[in-house]
Amino acid sequence: MNTNEIGWIGRYGNKLLALLKEHDPDRYTSLLFEGTLKEYLLAQDEYISERIWDLTMELAKKNGVNEELKLRDQMRWVQEVNSYRSMAEEMVLAEYID
């Protein structure tokens, strides 16, 4: 299977694909030849997305960013949540690089 034939695998699946090719080519090749690369990337994309969302909400809650702030100052709430999402994304993706 050519990687151009994989189809839609999501944002984090694509990032993981690039990481596999660069940092773990043996595993990439193995998954590719076993025919399980797409399933693996889809499952990891879903897991990473959920993990980032959970961590984002945990950081927001820990720092007092809640529905009350959302009602009172929606722009600030969006800025805060986006900031926490960026942090969470960095943290979760760093787990895959190690």
Protein backbone atom coordinates (compact mmCIF):
# COMPACT_ATOMS: atom_id res chain seq x y z
CA MET A 1 0.00 0.00 0.00
CA ASN A 2 1.34 3.38 -0.96
CA THR A 3 1.00 6.03 1.76
CA ASN A 4 -0.86 8.18 -0.79
CA GLU A 5 -3.57 5.49 -0.74
CA ILE A 6 -4.09 5.63 3.04
CA GLY A 7 -6.91 8.16 2.82
CA TRP A 8 -8.20 10.34 5.63
CA ILE A 9 -6.44 9.62 8.90
CA GLY A 10 -6.95 12.88 10.76
CA ARG A 11 -4.65 15.61 11.97
CA TYR A 12 -2.87 13.59 14.63
CA GLY A 13 -2.76 10.47 12.48
CA ASN A 14 -0.87 12.49 9.87
CA LYS A 15 1.51 13.86 12.50
CA LEU A 16 2.09 10.35 13.82
CA LEU A 17 2.71 9.08 10.30
CA ALA A 18 5.45 11.68 9.83
CA LEU A 19 6.94 10.81 13.24
CA LEU A 20 6.94 7.10 12.42
CA LYS A 21 8.65 7.66 9.09
CA GLU A 22 11.31 9.87 10.64
CA HIS A 23 11.90 8.32 14.07
CA ASP A 24 10.77 4.69 13.78
CA PRO A 25 11.06 3.55 10.16
CA ASP A 26 11.15 -0.14 11.17
CA ARG A 27 7.75 0.08 12.84
CA TYR A 28 6.38 2.13 9.94
CA THR A 29 7.54 -0.49 7.45
CA SER A 30 6.19 -3.32 9.55
CA LEU A 31 2.74 -1.73 9.87
CA LEU A 32 2.73 -0.90 6.17
CA PHE A 33 3.55 -4.45 5.06
CA GLU A 34 1.14 -6.02 7.58
CA GLY A 35 -1.62 -3.85 6.11
CA THR A 36 -2.47 -2.37 9.51
CA LEU A 37 -0.98 1.11 9.10
CA LYS A 38 -4.28 2.90 8.39
CA GLU A 39 -6.10 1.19 11.26
CA TYR A 40 -3.23 1.97 13.62
CA LEU A 41 -3.14 5.63 12.57
CA LEU A 42 -6.93 6.01 12.85
CA ALA A 43 -6.96 4.45 16.32
CA GLN A 44 -4.06 6.63 17.48
CA ASP A 45 -5.67 9.75 15.98
CA GLU A 46 -8.80 9.10 18.01
CA TYR A 47 -6.83 8.33 21.17
CA ILE A 48 -4.62 11.42 20.82
CA SER A 49 -7.62 13.67 20.12
CA GLU A 50 -9.44 12.41 23.21
CA ARG A 51 -6.33 12.67 25.36
CA ILE A 52 -5.70 16.25 24.23
CA TRP A 53 -9.33 17.21 24.91
CA ASP A 54 -9.28 15.64 28.39
CA LEU A 55 -5.99 17.31 29.28
CA THR A 56 -7.24 20.66 27.92
CA MET A 57 -10.34 20.50 30.10
CA GLU A 58 -8.26 19.42 33.11
CA LEU A 59 -5.91 22.41 32.67
CA ALA A 60 -8.84 24.78 32.16
CA LYS A 61 -10.64 23.52 35.25
CA LYS A 62 -7.47 23.69 37.33
CA ASN A 63 -7.04 27.35 36.30
CA GLY A 64 -10.64 28.47 36.82
CA VAL A 65 -11.68 28.59 33.17
CA ASN A 66 -15.29 27.46 33.34
CA GLU A 67 -18.79 28.04 32.00
CA GLU A 68 -19.18 31.15 34.17
CA LEU A 69 -16.19 32.76 32.43
CA LYS A 70 -17.58 31.62 29.08
CA LEU A 71 -20.84 33.45 29.76
CA ARG A 72 -19.13 36.54 31.16
CA ASP A 73 -16.22 36.95 28.70
CA GLN A 74 -16.46 34.59 25.74
CA MET A 75 -13.34 35.91 23.96
CA ARG A 76 -11.17 35.41 27.03
CA TRP A 77 -12.60 31.91 27.49
CA VAL A 78 -11.72 31.02 23.88
CA GLN A 79 -8.19 32.42 24.29
CA GLU A 80 -7.65 30.47 27.50
CA VAL A 81 -8.98 27.18 26.13
CA ASN A 82 -6.92 27.57 22.94
CA SER A 83 -3.84 28.18 25.06
CA TYR A 84 -4.49 25.07 27.15
CA ARG A 85 -5.19 23.02 24.02
CA SER A 86 -1.82 24.04 22.59
CA MET A 87 -0.11 23.03 25.82
CA ALA A 88 -1.96 19.72 25.93
CA GLU A 89 -1.12 19.00 22.30
CA GLU A 90 2.58 19.60 22.93
CA MET A 91 2.53 17.37 25.99
CA VAL A 92 0.70 14.49 24.33
CA LEU A 93 2.69 14.59 21.09
CA ALA A 94 5.94 14.68 23.08
CA GLU A 95 4.98 11.24 24.44
CA TYR A 96 5.18 9.86 20.90
CA ILE A 97 8.58 11.32 20.14
CA ASP A 98 10.27 9.65 23.12
